[in-house]
Amino acid sequence: MPENDSKTTTKVRPKTERPRLHKVILVNDDYTPREFVVMVLKAFFSMSEDEAAKVMITAHMKGVCVVAVYTADVAETKATEATDAGRGAGYPLLFTTEPEE
Protein backbone atom coordinates (compact mmCIF):
# COMPACT_ATOMS: atom_id res chain seq x y z
CA MET A 1 0.00 0.00 0.00
CA PRO A 2 1.64 3.25 -1.10
CA GLU A 3 2.08 5.99 1.42
CA ASN A 4 0.31 9.22 0.73
CA ASP A 5 2.96 11.94 0.57
CA SER A 6 1.20 15.20 1.02
CA LYS A 7 3.75 17.67 -0.16
CA THR A 8 2.72 21.25 -0.18
CA THR A 9 4.25 23.38 -2.84
CA THR A 10 4.45 27.04 -2.13
CA LYS A 11 4.89 29.62 -4.77
CA VAL A 12 7.35 32.32 -3.96
CA ARG A 13 6.10 35.69 -5.04
CA PRO A 14 8.60 38.49 -5.29
CA LYS A 15 7.68 41.33 -3.01
CA THR A 16 6.88 44.33 -5.13
CA GLU A 17 7.75 47.66 -3.66
CA ARG A 18 5.70 50.74 -4.26
CA PRO A 19 7.44 53.18 -6.57
CA ARG A 20 9.18 56.01 -4.78
CA LEU A 21 7.21 59.22 -5.03
CA HIS A 22 8.62 62.58 -6.11
CA LYS A 23 7.46 66.10 -5.32
CA VAL A 24 6.97 68.68 -8.04
CA ILE A 25 8.15 72.02 -6.67
CA LEU A 26 7.36 75.51 -7.97
CA VAL A 27 10.32 77.87 -7.57
CA ASN A 28 9.45 81.56 -7.21
CA ASP A 29 10.95 84.16 -9.52
CA ASP A 30 10.43 87.90 -9.72
CA TYR A 31 9.57 88.04 -13.42
CA THR A 32 6.80 85.56 -14.25
CA PRO A 33 3.37 87.20 -13.83
CA ARG A 34 1.19 85.68 -11.13
CA GLU A 35 -1.69 85.21 -13.56
CA PHE A 36 0.54 83.16 -15.86
CA VAL A 37 1.70 80.94 -12.98
CA VAL A 38 -1.93 80.31 -12.00
CA MET A 39 -2.79 79.46 -15.62
CA VAL A 40 0.09 76.94 -15.82
CA LEU A 41 -0.87 75.32 -12.51
CA LYS A 42 -4.45 74.93 -13.70
CA ALA A 43 -3.43 73.58 -17.11
CA PHE A 44 -0.71 71.11 -16.10
CA PHE A 45 -1.76 70.11 -12.58
CA SER A 46 -5.57 70.20 -12.92
CA MET A 47 -5.97 72.70 -10.10
CA SER A 48 -8.92 74.95 -9.49
CA GLU A 49 -8.42 78.72 -9.65
CA ASP A 50 -8.34 78.90 -5.83
CA GLU A 51 -5.88 76.00 -5.43
CA ALA A 52 -3.55 77.44 -8.05
CA ALA A 53 -3.66 80.89 -6.47
CA LYS A 54 -2.80 79.45 -3.03
CA VAL A 55 0.17 77.49 -4.43
CA MET A 56 1.40 80.55 -6.34
CA ILE A 57 1.15 82.81 -3.26
CA THR A 58 2.89 80.22 -1.06
CA ALA A 59 5.78 80.01 -3.55
CA HIS A 60 5.88 83.82 -3.71
CA MET A 61 6.03 84.16 0.10
CA LYS A 62 8.33 81.21 0.90
CA GLY A 63 10.40 80.96 -2.28
CA VAL A 64 9.17 77.44 -3.16
CA CYS A 65 6.01 75.38 -2.85
CA VAL A 66 5.21 71.71 -3.38
CA VAL A 67 2.69 71.54 -6.19
CA ALA A 68 1.92 67.80 -6.26
CA VAL A 69 3.38 64.34 -5.63
CA TYR A 70 3.68 61.69 -8.35
CA THR A 71 5.80 58.73 -9.36
CA ALA A 72 9.24 59.84 -10.57
CA ASP A 73 8.55 59.73 -14.31
CA VAL A 74 5.20 61.51 -14.07
CA ALA A 75 6.66 64.19 -11.76
CA GLU A 76 9.59 64.80 -14.10
CA THR A 77 7.34 64.99 -17.16
CA LYS A 78 4.91 67.44 -15.56
CA ALA A 79 7.73 69.63 -14.20
CA THR A 80 9.41 69.73 -17.61
CA GLU A 81 6.18 70.50 -19.49
CA ALA A 82 5.21 73.29 -17.07
CA THR A 83 8.71 74.80 -17.17
CA ASP A 84 8.73 74.61 -20.98
CA ALA A 85 5.37 76.42 -21.09
CA GLY A 86 6.92 79.30 -19.16
CA ARG A 87 10.04 79.37 -21.30
CA GLY A 88 7.91 79.28 -24.43
CA ALA A 89 6.14 82.41 -23.24
CA GLY A 90 9.45 84.10 -22.43
CA TYR A 91 9.35 83.67 -18.63
CA PRO A 92 11.92 82.06 -16.31
CA LEU A 93 9.22 79.91 -14.67
CA LEU A 94 10.82 76.89 -13.01
CA PHE A 95 9.42 73.61 -11.68
CA THR A 96 11.78 71.03 -10.17
CA THR A 97 11.38 67.58 -8.66
CA GLU A 98 12.85 65.82 -5.65
CA PRO A 99 12.25 62.48 -3.95
CA GLU A 100 9.68 62.45 -1.17
CA GLU A 101 11.07 61.37 2.18
PDB file of N, CA and C in Angstrom:
ATOM      1  N   MET A   1       0.841  -1.172   0.000  1.00  0.00           N
ATOM      2  CA  MET A   1       0.000   0.000   0.000  1.00  0.00           C
ATOM      3  C   MET A   1       0.891   1.242   0.000  1.00  0.00           C
ATOM      4  N   PRO A   2       0.771   2.078  -1.015  1.00  0.00           N
ATOM      5  CA  PRO A   2       1.640   3.252  -1.102  1.00  0.00           C
ATOM      6  C   PRO A   2       1.264   4.294  -0.050  1.00  0.00           C
ATOM      7  N   GLU A   3       2.310   4.923   0.435  1.00  0.00           N
ATOM      8  CA  GLU A   3       2.076   5.990   1.420  1.00  0.00           C
ATOM      9  C   GLU A   3       1.639   7.247   0.684  1.00  0.00           C
ATOM     10  N   ASN A   4       0.807   7.984   1.319  1.00  0.00           N
ATOM     11  CA  ASN A   4       0.309   9.219   0.725  1.00  0.00           C
ATOM     12  C   ASN A   4       1.207  10.370   1.165  1.00  0.00           C
ATOM     13  N   ASP A   5       2.100  10.791   0.270  1.00  0.00           N
ATOM     14  CA  ASP A   5       2.955  11.937   0.568  1.00  0.00           C
ATOM     15  C   ASP A   5       2.167  13.209   0.260  1.00  0.00           C
ATOM     16  N   SER A   6       1.911  13.943   1.263  1.00  0.00           N
ATOM     17  CA  SER A   6       1.200  15.202   1.018  1.00  0.00           C
ATOM     18  C   SER A   6       2.216  16.340   1.083  1.00  0.00           C
ATOM     19  N   LYS A   7       2.768  16.598  -0.067  1.00  0.00           N
ATOM     20  CA  LYS A   7       3.747  17.674  -0.162  1.00  0.00           C
ATOM     21  C   LYS A   7       3.016  18.945  -0.571  1.00  0.00           C
ATOM     22  N   THR A   8       3.312  19.969   0.135  1.00  0.00           N
ATOM     23  CA  THR A   8       2.721  21.253  -0.184  1.00  0.00           C
ATOM     24  C   THR A   8       3.745  22.072  -0.942  1.00  0.00           C
ATOM     25  N   THR A   9       3.349  22.514  -2.088  1.00  0.00           N
ATOM     26  CA  THR A   9       4.247  23.384  -2.838  1.00  0.00           C
ATOM     27  C   THR A   9       3.808  24.820  -2.638  1.00  0.00           C
ATOM     28  N   THR A  10       4.765  25.626  -2.313  1.00  0.00           N
ATOM     29  CA  THR A  10       4.452  27.043  -2.131  1.00  0.00           C
ATOM     30  C   THR A  10       5.104  27.833  -3.248  1.00  0.00           C
ATOM     31  N   LYS A  11       4.365  28.752  -3.737  1.00  0.00           N
ATOM     32  CA  LYS A  11       4.893  29.621  -4.770  1.00  0.00           C
ATOM     33  C   LYS A  11       5.507  30.836  -4.086  1.00  0.00           C
ATOM     34  N   VAL A  12       6.683  31.152  -4.510  1.00  0.00           N
ATOM     35  CA  VAL A  12       7.351  32.324  -3.957  1.00  0.00           C
ATOM     36  C   VAL A  12       7.041  33.506  -4.864  1.00  0.00           C
ATOM     37  N   ARG A  13       6.416  34.493  -4.280  1.00  0.00           N
ATOM     38  CA  ARG A  13       6.099  35.691  -5.037  1.00  0.00           C
ATOM     39  C   ARG A  13       7.083  36.787  -4.644  1.00  0.00           C
ATOM     40  N   PRO A  14       7.686  37.398  -5.628  1.00  0.00           N
ATOM     41  CA  PRO A  14       8.595  38.492  -5.286  1.00  0.00           C
ATOM     42  C   PRO A  14       7.803  39.646  -4.680  1.00  0.00           C
ATOM     43  N   LYS A  15       8.359  40.224  -3.673  1.00  0.00           N
ATOM     44  CA  LYS A  15       7.683  41.330  -3.011  1.00  0.00           C
ATOM     45  C   LYS A  15       7.877  42.587  -3.864  1.00  0.00           C
ATOM     46  N   THR A  16       6.781  43.136  -4.306  1.00  0.00           N
ATOM     47  CA  THR A  16       6.876  44.332  -5.132  1.00  0.00           C
ATOM     48  C   THR A  16       6.790  45.556  -4.229  1.00  0.00           C
ATOM     49  N   GLU A  17       7.733  46.437  -4.444  1.00  0.00           N
ATOM     50  CA  GLU A  17       7.747  47.661  -3.659  1.00  0.00           C
ATOM     51  C   GLU A  17       6.984  48.736  -4.411  1.00  0.00           C
ATOM     52  N   ARG A  18       6.376  49.617  -3.646  1.00  0.00           N
ATOM     53  CA  ARG A  18       5.700  50.743  -4.260  1.00  0.00           C
ATOM     54  C   ARG A  18       6.752  51.670  -4.841  1.00  0.00           C
ATOM     55  N   PRO A  19       6.461  52.263  -5.990  1.00  0.00           N
ATOM     56  CA  PRO A  19       7.443  53.175  -6.571  1.00  0.00           C
ATOM     57  C   PRO A  19       7.648  54.384  -5.659  1.00  0.00           C
ATOM     58  N   ARG A  20       8.868  54.853  -5.611  1.00  0.00           N
ATOM     59  CA  ARG A  20       9.183  56.007  -4.780  1.00  0.00           C
ATOM     60  C   ARG A  20       8.534  57.245  -5.385  1.00  0.00           C
ATOM     61  N   LEU A  21       7.915  58.036  -4.551  1.00  0.00           N
ATOM     62  CA  LEU A  21       7.210  59.221  -5.033  1.00  0.00           C
ATOM     63  C   LEU A  21       8.140  60.429  -5.055  1.00  0.00           C
ATOM     64  N   HIS A  22       7.833  61.356  -5.964  1.00  0.00           N
ATOM     65  CA  HIS A  22       8.620  62.575  -6.111  1.00  0.00           C
ATOM     66  C   HIS A  22       7.705  63.789  -6.048  1.00  0.00           C
ATOM     67  N   LYS A  23       8.196  64.842  -5.429  1.00  0.00           N
ATOM     68  CA  LYS A  23       7.457  66.097  -5.321  1.00  0.00           C
ATOM     69  C   LYS A  23       7.781  66.977  -6.523  1.00  0.00           C
ATOM     70  N   VAL A  24       6.766  67.637  -7.040  1.00  0.00           N
ATOM     71  CA  VAL A  24       6.969  68.683  -8.038  1.00  0.00           C
ATOM     72  C   VAL A  24       6.945  69.995  -7.267  1.00  0.00           C
ATOM     73  N   ILE A  25       7.987  70.794  -7.452  1.00  0.00           N
ATOM     74  CA  ILE A  25       8.149  72.021  -6.672  1.00  0.00           C
ATOM     75  C   ILE A  25       8.168  73.228  -7.601  1.00  0.00           C
ATOM     76  N   LEU A  26       7.364  74.237  -7.255  1.00  0.00           N
ATOM     77  CA  LEU A  26       7.356  75.508  -7.965  1.00  0.00           C
ATOM     78  C   LEU A  26       8.369  76.428  -7.289  1.00  0.00           C
ATOM     79  N   VAL A  27       9.303  76.956  -8.085  1.00  0.00           N
ATOM     80  CA  VAL A  27      10.316  77.873  -7.569  1.00  0.00           C
ATOM     81  C   VAL A  27       9.908  79.290  -7.950  1.00  0.00           C
ATOM     82  N   ASN A  28       9.860  80.175  -6.967  1.00  0.00           N
ATOM     83  CA  ASN A  28       9.454  81.555  -7.212  1.00  0.00           C
ATOM     84  C   ASN A  28      10.511  82.308  -8.016  1.00  0.00           C
ATOM     85  N   ASP A  29      10.049  83.211  -8.859  1.00  0.00           N
ATOM     86  CA  ASP A  29      10.951  84.158  -9.518  1.00  0.00           C
ATOM     87  C   ASP A  29      10.247  85.514  -9.519  1.00  0.00           C
ATOM     88  N   ASP A  30      10.990  86.554  -9.784  1.00  0.00           N
ATOM     89  CA  ASP A  30      10.427  87.905  -9.717  1.00  0.00           C
ATOM     90  C   ASP A  30       9.957  88.433 -11.069  1.00  0.00           C
ATOM     91  N   TYR A  31       9.876  87.573 -12.078  1.00  0.00           N
ATOM     92  CA  TYR A  31       9.567  88.035 -13.416  1.00  0.00           C
ATOM     93  C   TYR A  31       8.303  87.434 -14.020  1.00  0.00           C
ATOM     94  N   THR A  32       7.982  86.204 -13.666  1.00  0.00           N
ATOM     95  CA  THR A  32       6.805  85.559 -14.245  1.00  0.00           C
ATOM     96  C   THR A  32       5.546  86.134 -13.595  1.00  0.00           C
ATOM     97  N   PRO A  33       4.603  86.629 -14.399  1.00  0.00           N
ATOM     98  CA  PRO A  33       3.369  87.200 -13.834  1.00  0.00           C
ATOM     99  C   PRO A  33       2.561  86.149 -13.058  1.00  0.00           C
ATOM    100  N   ARG A  34       1.977  86.590 -11.983  1.00  0.00           N
ATOM    101  CA  ARG A  34       1.188  85.683 -11.127  1.00  0.00           C
ATOM    102  C   ARG A  34       0.069  85.005 -11.911  1.00  0.00           C
ATOM    103  N   GLU A  35      -0.583  85.758 -12.790  1.00  0.00           N
ATOM    104  CA  GLU A  35      -1.693  85.205 -13.560  1.00  0.00           C
ATOM    105  C   GLU A  35      -1.215  84.065 -14.460  1.00  0.00           C
ATOM    106  N   PHE A  36      -0.003  84.209 -14.998  1.00  0.00           N
ATOM    107  CA  PHE A  36       0.543  83.164 -15.856  1.00  0.00           C
ATOM    108  C   PHE A  36       0.848  81.908 -15.044  1.00  0.00           C
ATOM    109  N   VAL A  37       1.398  82.083 -13.852  1.00  0.00           N
ATOM    110  CA  VAL A  37       1.701  80.938 -12.981  1.00  0.00           C
ATOM    111  C   VAL A  37       0.408  80.193 -12.649  1.00  0.00           C
ATOM    112  N   VAL A  38      -0.634  80.920 -12.315  1.00  0.00           N
ATOM    113  CA  VAL A  38      -1.929  80.308 -12.005  1.00  0.00           C
ATOM    114  C   VAL A  38      -2.447  79.543 -13.222  1.00  0.00           C
ATOM    115  N   MET A  39      -2.330  80.123 -14.397  1.00  0.00           N
ATOM    116  CA  MET A  39      -2.789  79.460 -15.622  1.00  0.00           C
ATOM    117  C   MET A  39      -2.034  78.138 -15.840  1.00  0.00           C
ATOM    118  N   VAL A  40      -0.710  78.148 -15.643  1.00  0.00           N
ATOM    119  CA  VAL A  40       0.095  76.941 -15.823  1.00  0.00           C
ATOM    120  C   VAL A  40      -0.291  75.883 -14.798  1.00  0.00           C
ATOM    121  N   LEU A  41      -0.477  76.277 -13.556  1.00  0.00           N
ATOM    122  CA  LEU A  41      -0.868  75.316 -12.510  1.00  0.00           C
ATOM    123  C   LEU A  41      -2.216  74.674 -12.835  1.00  0.00           C
ATOM    124  N   LYS A  42      -3.143  75.463 -13.323  1.00  0.00           N
ATOM    125  CA  LYS A  42      -4.453  74.928 -13.702  1.00  0.00           C
ATOM    126  C   LYS A  42      -4.332  73.973 -14.884  1.00  0.00           C
ATOM    127  N   ALA A  43      -3.531  74.358 -15.880  1.00  0.00           N
ATOM    128  CA  ALA A  43      -3.429  73.577 -17.110  1.00  0.00           C
ATOM    129  C   ALA A  43      -2.674  72.264 -16.918  1.00  0.00           C
ATOM    130  N   PHE A  44      -1.567  72.291 -16.188  1.00  0.00           N
ATOM    131  CA  PHE A  44      -0.708  71.113 -16.104  1.00  0.00           C
ATOM    132  C   PHE A  44      -0.937  70.260 -14.857  1.00  0.00           C
ATOM    133  N   PHE A  45      -1.570  70.844 -13.833  1.00  0.00           N
ATOM    134  CA  PHE A  45      -1.763  70.108 -12.585  1.00  0.00           C
ATOM    135  C   PHE A  45      -3.232  69.995 -12.190  1.00  0.00           C
ATOM    136  N   SER A  46      -4.114  70.340 -13.110  1.00  0.00           N
ATOM    137  CA  SER A  46      -5.569  70.199 -12.917  1.00  0.00           C
ATOM    138  C   SER A  46      -6.054  70.825 -11.618  1.00  0.00           C
ATOM    139  N   MET A  47      -5.553  72.000 -11.321  1.00  0.00           N
ATOM    140  CA  MET A  47      -5.971  72.698 -10.096  1.00  0.00           C
ATOM    141  C   MET A  47      -7.119  73.647 -10.402  1.00  0.00           C
ATOM    142  N   SER A  48      -7.894  73.926  -9.369  1.00  0.00           N
ATOM    143  CA  SER A  48      -8.920  74.953  -9.493  1.00  0.00           C
ATOM    144  C   SER A  48      -8.231  76.317  -9.418  1.00  0.00           C
ATOM    145  N   GLU A  49      -8.960  77.347  -9.728  1.00  0.00           N
ATOM    146  CA  GLU A  49      -8.423  78.720  -9.650  1.00  0.00           C
ATOM    147  C   GLU A  49      -7.920  79.018  -8.234  1.00  0.00           C
ATOM    148  N   ASP A  50      -8.714  78.636  -7.225  1.00  0.00           N
ATOM    149  CA  ASP A  50      -8.339  78.898  -5.828  1.00  0.00           C
ATOM    150  C   ASP A  50      -7.102  78.115  -5.406  1.00  0.00           C
ATOM    151  N   GLU A  51      -7.044  76.825  -5.769  1.00  0.00           N
ATOM    152  CA  GLU A  51      -5.881  76.004  -5.426  1.00  0.00           C
ATOM    153  C   GLU A  51      -4.611  76.574  -6.056  1.00  0.00           C
ATOM    154  N   ALA A  52      -4.708  76.913  -7.326  1.00  0.00           N
ATOM    155  CA  ALA A  52      -3.553  77.439  -8.054  1.00  0.00           C
ATOM    156  C   ALA A  52      -3.085  78.765  -7.441  1.00  0.00           C
ATOM    157  N   ALA A  53      -4.019  79.606  -7.078  1.00  0.00           N
ATOM    158  CA  ALA A  53      -3.657  80.891  -6.473  1.00  0.00           C
ATOM    159  C   ALA A  53      -2.960  80.685  -5.128  1.00  0.00           C
ATOM    160  N   LYS A  54      -3.433  79.730  -4.334  1.00  0.00           N
ATOM    161  CA  LYS A  54      -2.800  79.451  -3.035  1.00  0.00           C
ATOM    162  C   LYS A  54      -1.382  78.929  -3.206  1.00  0.00           C
ATOM    163  N   VAL A  55      -1.179  78.025  -4.171  1.00  0.00           N
ATOM    164  CA  VAL A  55       0.165  77.489  -4.431  1.00  0.00           C
ATOM    165  C   VAL A  55       1.085  78.613  -4.909  1.00  0.00           C
ATOM    166  N   MET A  56       0.598  79.451  -5.801  1.00  0.00           N
ATOM    167  CA  MET A  56       1.399  80.550  -6.339  1.00  0.00           C
ATOM    168  C   MET A  56       1.793  81.521  -5.227  1.00  0.00           C
ATOM    169  N   ILE A  57       0.861  81.871  -4.367  1.00  0.00           N
ATOM    170  CA  ILE A  57       1.147  82.806  -3.259  1.00  0.00           C
ATOM    171  C   ILE A  57       2.127  82.185  -2.270  1.00  0.00           C
ATOM    172  N   THR A  58       1.966  80.897  -1.980  1.00  0.00           N
ATOM    173  CA  THR A  58       2.891  80.221  -1.064  1.00  0.00           C
ATOM    174  C   THR A  58       4.310  80.251  -1.634  1.00  0.00           C
ATOM    175  N   ALA A  59       4.467  79.959  -2.917  1.00  0.00           N
ATOM    176  CA  ALA A  59       5.782  80.015  -3.551  1.00  0.00           C
ATOM    177  C   ALA A  59       6.329  81.445  -3.517  1.00  0.00           C
ATOM    178  N   HIS A  60       5.462  82.414  -3.725  1.00  0.00           N
ATOM    179  CA  HIS A  60       5.877  83.824  -3.711  1.00  0.00           C
ATOM    180  C   HIS A  60       6.377  84.223  -2.318  1.00  0.00           C
ATOM    181  N   MET A  61       5.686  83.775  -1.288  1.00  0.00           N
ATOM    182  CA  MET A  61       6.030  84.155   0.096  1.00  0.00           C
ATOM    183  C   MET A  61       7.234  83.370   0.634  1.00  0.00           C
ATOM    184  N   LYS A  62       7.304  82.069   0.317  1.00  0.00           N
ATOM    185  CA  LYS A  62       8.334  81.207   0.904  1.00  0.00           C
ATOM    186  C   LYS A  62       9.493  80.890  -0.038  1.00  0.00           C
ATOM    187  N   GLY A  63       9.344  81.238  -1.310  1.00  0.00           N
ATOM    188  CA  GLY A  63      10.396  80.959  -2.279  1.00  0.00           C
ATOM    189  C   GLY A  63      10.164  79.691  -3.083  1.00  0.00           C
ATOM    190  N   VAL A  64       9.521  78.700  -2.475  1.00  0.00           N
ATOM    191  CA  VAL A  64       9.174  77.445  -3.156  1.00  0.00           C
ATOM    192  C   VAL A  64       7.874  76.917  -2.581  1.00  0.00           C
ATOM    193  N   CYS A  65       7.227  76.033  -3.337  1.00  0.00           N
ATOM    194  CA  CYS A  65       6.013  75.385  -2.849  1.00  0.00           C
ATOM    195  C   CYS A  65       5.852  74.040  -3.551  1.00  0.00           C
ATOM    196  N   VAL A  66       5.496  73.015  -2.783  1.00  0.00           N
ATOM    197  CA  VAL A  66       5.209  71.711  -3.377  1.00  0.00           C
ATOM    198  C   VAL A  66       3.871  71.814  -4.098  1.00  0.00           C
ATOM    199  N   VAL A  67       3.884  71.455  -5.361  1.00  0.00           N
ATOM    200  CA  VAL A  67       2.688  71.535  -6.193  1.00  0.00           C
ATOM    201  C   VAL A  67       1.888  70.246  -6.102  1.00  0.00           C
ATOM    202  N   ALA A  68       2.578  69.103  -6.259  1.00  0.00           N
ATOM    203  CA  ALA A  68       1.917  67.802  -6.262  1.00  0.00           C
ATOM    204  C   ALA A  68       2.968  66.718  -6.057  1.00  0.00           C
ATOM    205  N   VAL A  69       2.495  65.490  -5.828  1.00  0.00           N
ATOM    206  CA  VAL A  69       3.380  64.343  -5.632  1.00  0.00           C
ATOM    207  C   VAL A  69       2.949  63.237  -6.599  1.00  0.00           C
ATOM    208  N   TYR A  70       3.923  62.719  -7.353  1.00  0.00           N
ATOM    209  CA  TYR A  70       3.676  61.686  -8.351  1.00  0.00           C
ATOM    210  C   TYR A  70       4.809  60.669  -8.328  1.00  0.00           C
ATOM    211  N   THR A  71       4.658  59.624  -9.142  1.00  0.00           N
ATOM    212  CA  THR A  71       5.795  58.728  -9.361  1.00  0.00           C
ATOM    213  C   THR A  71       6.870  59.536 -10.091  1.00  0.00           C
ATOM    214  N   ALA A  72       8.100  59.071 -10.052  1.00  0.00           N
ATOM    215  CA  ALA A  72       9.237  59.840 -10.570  1.00  0.00           C
ATOM    216  C   ALA A  72       9.057  60.279 -12.016  1.00  0.00           C
ATOM    217  N   ASP A  73       8.654  59.367 -12.892  1.00  0.00           N
ATOM    218  CA  ASP A  73       8.551  59.725 -14.306  1.00  0.00           C
ATOM    219  C   ASP A  73       7.425  60.711 -14.582  1.00  0.00           C
ATOM    220  N   VAL A  74       6.313  60.573 -13.885  1.00  0.00           N
ATOM    221  CA  VAL A  74       5.203  61.513 -14.066  1.00  0.00           C
ATOM    222  C   VAL A  74       5.596  62.887 -13.528  1.00  0.00           C
ATOM    223  N   ALA A  75       6.226  62.919 -12.355  1.00  0.00           N
ATOM    224  CA  ALA A  75       6.655  64.188 -11.761  1.00  0.00           C
ATOM    225  C   ALA A  75       7.625  64.915 -12.690  1.00  0.00           C
ATOM    226  N   GLU A  76       8.589  64.192 -13.218  1.00  0.00           N
ATOM    227  CA  GLU A  76       9.594  64.799 -14.102  1.00  0.00           C
ATOM    228  C   GLU A  76       8.947  65.325 -15.385  1.00  0.00           C
ATOM    229  N   THR A  77       8.026  64.559 -15.935  1.00  0.00           N
ATOM    230  CA  THR A  77       7.341  64.987 -17.159  1.00  0.00           C
ATOM    231  C   THR A  77       6.527  66.249 -16.920  1.00  0.00           C
ATOM    232  N   LYS A  78       5.747  66.271 -15.849  1.00  0.00           N
ATOM    233  CA  LYS A  78       4.914  67.441 -15.559  1.00  0.00           C
ATOM    234  C   LYS A  78       5.767  68.671 -15.272  1.00  0.00           C
ATOM    235  N   ALA A  79       6.846  68.503 -14.505  1.00  0.00           N
ATOM    236  CA  ALA A  79       7.730  69.632 -14.198  1.00  0.00           C
ATOM    237  C   ALA A  79       8.353  70.186 -15.475  1.00  0.00           C
ATOM    238  N   THR A  80       8.791  69.304 -16.351  1.00  0.00           N
ATOM    239  CA  THR A  80       9.411  69.734 -17.613  1.00  0.00           C
ATOM    240  C   THR A  80       8.405  70.444 -18.508  1.00  0.00           C
ATOM    241  N   GLU A  81       7.206  69.881 -18.639  1.00  0.00           N
ATOM    242  CA  GLU A  81       6.182  70.502 -19.491  1.00  0.00           C
ATOM    243  C   GLU A  81       5.785  71.883 -18.973  1.00  0.00           C
ATOM    244  N   ALA A  82       5.609  72.002 -17.653  1.00  0.00           N
ATOM    245  CA  ALA A  82       5.210  73.285 -17.068  1.00  0.00           C
ATOM    246  C   ALA A  82       6.327  74.320 -17.215  1.00  0.00           C
ATOM    247  N   THR A  83       7.568  73.899 -17.001  1.00  0.00           N
ATOM    248  CA  THR A  83       8.707  74.803 -17.171  1.00  0.00           C
ATOM    249  C   THR A  83       8.821  75.241 -18.631  1.00  0.00           C
ATOM    250  N   ASP A  84       8.663  74.294 -19.543  1.00  0.00           N
ATOM    251  CA  ASP A  84       8.727  74.614 -20.977  1.00  0.00           C
ATOM    252  C   ASP A  84       7.631  75.589 -21.395  1.00  0.00           C
ATOM    253  N   ALA A  85       6.464  75.491 -20.782  1.00  0.00           N
ATOM    254  CA  ALA A  85       5.373  76.421 -21.093  1.00  0.00           C
ATOM    255  C   ALA A  85       5.784  77.842 -20.718  1.00  0.00           C
ATOM    256  N   GLY A  86       6.433  77.988 -19.570  1.00  0.00           N
ATOM    257  CA  GLY A  86       6.918  79.301 -19.157  1.00  0.00           C
ATOM    258  C   GLY A  86       7.995  79.828 -20.080  1.00  0.00           C
ATOM    259  N   ARG A  87       8.932  78.958 -20.422  1.00  0.00           N
ATOM    260  CA  ARG A  87      10.036  79.369 -21.299  1.00  0.00           C
ATOM    261  C   ARG A  87       9.510  79.738 -22.679  1.00  0.00           C
ATOM    262  N   GLY A  88       8.502  78.989 -23.130  1.00  0.00           N
ATOM    263  CA  GLY A  88       7.910  79.277 -24.430  1.00  0.00           C
ATOM    264  C   GLY A  88       7.237  80.641 -24.469  1.00  0.00           C
ATOM    265  N   ALA A  89       6.782  81.101 -23.319  1.00  0.00           N
ATOM    266  CA  ALA A  89       6.140  82.413 -23.238  1.00  0.00           C
ATOM    267  C   ALA A  89       7.141  83.510 -22.860  1.00  0.00           C
ATOM    268  N   GLY A  90       8.421  83.109 -22.719  1.00  0.00           N
ATOM    269  CA  GLY A  90       9.453  84.100 -22.426  1.00  0.00           C
ATOM    270  C   GLY A  90       9.668  84.377 -20.948  1.00  0.00           C
ATOM    271  N   TYR A  91       9.200  83.485 -20.076  1.00  0.00           N
ATOM    272  CA  TYR A  91       9.352  83.673 -18.629  1.00  0.00           C
ATOM    273  C   TYR A  91      10.323  82.644 -18.049  1.00  0.00           C
ATOM    274  N   PRO A  92      10.990  83.005 -16.955  1.00  0.00           N
ATOM    275  CA  PRO A  92      11.924  82.059 -16.313  1.00  0.00           C
ATOM    276  C   PRO A  92      11.239  81.118 -15.320  1.00  0.00           C
ATOM    277  N   LEU A  93       9.988  80.790 -15.556  1.00  0.00           N
ATOM    278  CA  LEU A  93       9.223  79.907 -14.670  1.00  0.00           C
ATOM    279  C   LEU A  93       9.965  78.585 -14.507  1.00  0.00           C
ATOM    280  N   LEU A  94      10.057  78.100 -13.262  1.00  0.00           N
ATOM    281  CA  LEU A  94      10.816  76.885 -13.015  1.00  0.00           C
ATOM    282  C   LEU A  94      10.075  75.944 -12.061  1.00  0.00           C
ATOM    283  N   PHE A  95       9.933  74.700 -12.505  1.00  0.00           N
ATOM    284  CA  PHE A  95       9.415  73.608 -11.681  1.00  0.00           C
ATOM    285  C   PHE A  95      10.531  72.579 -11.574  1.00  0.00           C
ATOM    286  N   THR A  96      10.773  72.067 -10.377  1.00  0.00           N
ATOM    287  CA  THR A  96      11.780  71.029 -10.172  1.00  0.00           C
ATOM    288  C   THR A  96      11.121  69.836  -9.510  1.00  0.00           C
ATOM    289  N   THR A  97      11.885  68.751  -9.377  1.00  0.00           N
ATOM    290  CA  THR A  97      11.378  67.582  -8.664  1.00  0.00           C
ATOM    291  C   THR A  97      12.423  67.126  -7.657  1.00  0.00           C
ATOM    292  N   GLU A  98      11.944  66.450  -6.617  1.00  0.00           N
ATOM    293  CA  GLU A  98      12.853  65.825  -5.654  1.00  0.00           C
ATOM    294  C   GLU A  98      12.125  64.660  -5.000  1.00  0.00           C
ATOM    295  N   PRO A  99      12.876  63.644  -4.575  1.00  0.00           N
ATOM    296  CA  PRO A  99      12.248  62.476  -3.946  1.00  0.00           C
ATOM    297  C   PRO A  99      11.533  62.866  -2.657  1.00  0.00           C
ATOM    298  N   GLU A 100      10.417  62.222  -2.426  1.00  0.00           N
ATOM    299  CA  GLU A 100       9.684  62.447  -1.174  1.00  0.00           C
ATOM    300  C   GLU A 100      10.331  61.580  -0.100  1.00  0.00           C
ATOM    301  N   GLU A 101      10.409  62.106   1.094  1.00  0.00           N
ATOM    302  CA  GLU A 101      11.072  61.367   2.180  1.00  0.00           C
ATOM    303  C   GLU A 101      10.146  60.459   2.926  1.00  0.00           C
TER     304      GLU A 101
END
